[in-house]
N, C-alpha and C. Protein backbone atom coordinates (compact mmCIF):
# COMPACT_ATOMS: atom_id res chain seq x y z
N MET A 1 67.78 84.96 59.99
CA MET A 1 66.76 84.92 58.97
C MET A 1 65.94 83.64 59.13
N PRO A 2 64.64 83.75 59.02
CA PRO A 2 63.82 82.54 59.10
C PRO A 2 63.98 81.70 57.84
N GLU A 3 64.03 80.38 58.06
CA GLU A 3 64.18 79.48 56.93
C GLU A 3 62.86 79.38 56.16
N LYS A 4 62.98 79.24 54.86
CA LYS A 4 61.80 79.12 54.02
C LYS A 4 61.23 77.71 54.18
N LYS A 5 59.95 77.63 54.54
CA LYS A 5 59.32 76.33 54.72
C LYS A 5 58.89 75.80 53.35
N VAL A 6 59.25 74.55 53.10
CA VAL A 6 58.92 73.93 51.83
C VAL A 6 57.80 72.93 52.08
N LYS A 7 56.78 72.96 51.23
CA LYS A 7 55.66 72.03 51.36
C LYS A 7 55.63 71.11 50.14
N CYS A 8 55.17 69.91 50.40
CA CYS A 8 55.01 68.92 49.33
C CYS A 8 53.96 69.44 48.35
N MET A 9 54.25 69.33 47.06
CA MET A 9 53.32 69.81 46.04
C MET A 9 52.11 68.89 45.89
N VAL A 10 52.18 67.67 46.42
CA VAL A 10 51.09 66.72 46.29
C VAL A 10 50.16 66.76 47.50
N CYS A 11 50.73 66.59 48.70
CA CYS A 11 49.90 66.49 49.90
C CYS A 11 49.89 67.77 50.74
N GLY A 12 50.84 68.66 50.54
CA GLY A 12 50.87 69.93 51.27
C GLY A 12 51.53 69.89 52.62
N LYS A 13 52.11 68.77 53.00
CA LYS A 13 52.79 68.68 54.29
C LYS A 13 54.18 69.30 54.19
N ALA A 14 54.66 69.82 55.31
CA ALA A 14 56.00 70.40 55.35
C ALA A 14 57.03 69.29 55.15
N ILE A 15 58.05 69.57 54.32
CA ILE A 15 59.10 68.58 54.07
C ILE A 15 60.46 69.19 54.37
N GLU A 16 61.40 68.32 54.66
CA GLU A 16 62.75 68.77 55.01
C GLU A 16 63.75 68.50 53.90
N THR A 17 63.31 67.83 52.85
CA THR A 17 64.23 67.50 51.77
C THR A 17 64.31 68.64 50.77
N SER A 18 65.23 68.52 49.85
CA SER A 18 65.42 69.58 48.87
C SER A 18 64.46 69.47 47.69
N GLY A 19 63.76 68.34 47.56
CA GLY A 19 62.84 68.14 46.44
C GLY A 19 61.53 68.90 46.65
N SER A 20 60.64 68.74 45.70
CA SER A 20 59.37 69.45 45.78
C SER A 20 58.23 68.58 46.27
N ILE A 21 58.45 67.24 46.35
CA ILE A 21 57.44 66.35 46.92
C ILE A 21 58.07 65.43 47.95
N CYS A 22 57.26 65.02 48.92
CA CYS A 22 57.78 64.20 50.03
C CYS A 22 58.03 62.76 49.57
N GLN A 23 58.76 62.03 50.37
CA GLN A 23 59.16 60.66 50.04
C GLN A 23 57.93 59.76 49.90
N ARG A 24 56.95 59.92 50.79
CA ARG A 24 55.75 59.09 50.74
C ARG A 24 54.98 59.29 49.43
N CYS A 25 54.86 60.54 49.00
CA CYS A 25 54.17 60.82 47.75
C CYS A 25 54.97 60.31 46.55
N GLN A 26 56.29 60.42 46.60
CA GLN A 26 57.13 59.90 45.52
C GLN A 26 56.91 58.39 45.35
N GLU A 27 56.87 57.66 46.47
CA GLU A 27 56.67 56.22 46.42
C GLU A 27 55.29 55.88 45.88
N SER A 28 54.29 56.65 46.27
CA SER A 28 52.93 56.43 45.80
C SER A 28 52.83 56.65 44.29
N ILE A 29 53.41 57.73 43.80
CA ILE A 29 53.39 58.04 42.38
C ILE A 29 54.16 56.99 41.59
N ARG A 30 55.29 56.57 42.10
CA ARG A 30 56.09 55.54 41.43
C ARG A 30 55.32 54.23 41.35
N GLY A 31 54.61 53.87 42.42
CA GLY A 31 53.81 52.66 42.43
C GLY A 31 52.68 52.70 41.42
N GLU A 32 52.03 53.85 41.30
CA GLU A 32 50.96 54.01 40.31
C GLU A 32 51.51 53.85 38.90
N ALA A 33 52.68 54.42 38.65
CA ALA A 33 53.29 54.35 37.32
C ALA A 33 53.65 52.91 36.96
N VAL A 34 54.18 52.17 37.92
CA VAL A 34 54.56 50.77 37.67
C VAL A 34 53.31 49.95 37.39
N GLY A 35 52.25 50.17 38.16
CA GLY A 35 51.00 49.44 37.95
C GLY A 35 50.40 49.72 36.59
N LYS A 36 50.42 50.98 36.18
CA LYS A 36 49.88 51.35 34.88
C LYS A 36 50.71 50.74 33.76
N ARG A 37 52.03 50.70 33.95
CA ARG A 37 52.91 50.11 32.94
C ARG A 37 52.62 48.63 32.76
N LYS A 38 52.36 47.93 33.86
CA LYS A 38 52.04 46.50 33.77
C LYS A 38 50.72 46.28 33.04
N LYS A 39 49.72 47.13 33.31
CA LYS A 39 48.43 47.00 32.65
C LYS A 39 48.55 47.24 31.15
N VAL A 40 49.32 48.23 30.77
CA VAL A 40 49.51 48.54 29.35
C VAL A 40 50.23 47.39 28.66
N GLY A 41 51.24 46.84 29.31
CA GLY A 41 51.98 45.71 28.75
C GLY A 41 51.09 44.48 28.57
N ALA A 42 50.24 44.22 29.56
CA ALA A 42 49.34 43.08 29.47
C ALA A 42 48.33 43.27 28.34
N ALA A 43 47.82 44.49 28.19
CA ALA A 43 46.87 44.77 27.12
C ALA A 43 47.53 44.63 25.75
N ALA A 44 48.78 45.03 25.64
CA ALA A 44 49.51 44.90 24.37
C ALA A 44 49.73 43.43 24.03
N ASP A 45 50.11 42.63 25.03
CA ASP A 45 50.30 41.20 24.80
C ASP A 45 48.99 40.54 24.36
N LYS A 46 47.90 40.92 25.00
CA LYS A 46 46.59 40.37 24.66
C LYS A 46 46.21 40.72 23.22
N ALA A 47 46.46 41.96 22.83
CA ALA A 47 46.14 42.39 21.47
C ALA A 47 46.99 41.64 20.45
N MET A 48 48.25 41.40 20.77
CA MET A 48 49.11 40.66 19.84
C MET A 48 48.61 39.22 19.68
N LYS A 49 48.21 38.59 20.77
CA LYS A 49 47.68 37.22 20.70
C LYS A 49 46.39 37.19 19.88
N LYS A 50 45.57 38.22 20.05
CA LYS A 50 44.30 38.31 19.32
C LYS A 50 44.54 38.35 17.82
N HIS A 51 45.60 38.99 17.39
CA HIS A 51 45.92 39.13 15.98
C HIS A 51 46.85 38.03 15.47
N GLY A 52 47.08 37.03 16.30
CA GLY A 52 47.85 35.87 15.86
C GLY A 52 49.35 36.02 15.91
N GLN A 53 49.84 37.02 16.63
CA GLN A 53 51.28 37.20 16.77
C GLN A 53 51.73 36.74 18.14
N LYS A 54 52.96 36.33 18.21
CA LYS A 54 53.53 35.89 19.48
C LYS A 54 54.14 37.09 20.21
N PRO A 55 53.70 37.36 21.45
CA PRO A 55 54.30 38.48 22.19
C PRO A 55 55.77 38.21 22.50
N PRO A 56 56.59 39.24 22.57
CA PRO A 56 58.01 39.04 22.86
C PRO A 56 58.21 38.56 24.31
N ASN A 57 59.28 37.79 24.51
CA ASN A 57 59.63 37.35 25.86
C ASN A 57 60.14 38.52 26.66
N LYS A 58 59.82 38.51 27.95
CA LYS A 58 60.22 39.64 28.81
C LYS A 58 61.32 39.25 29.74
């Protein structure tokens, strides 16, 4: 029986892993999420300072 070819849901390249997206795309998505999280945290700290509150230590 021919094996079912699995393609990455993000880039469309054939993958050999059991997941639905390739390792390169997983790393890219994870990096975007971390960057967005840092931006949101910085904006929250800035807003707290603007209102005269001390941001929590990280």
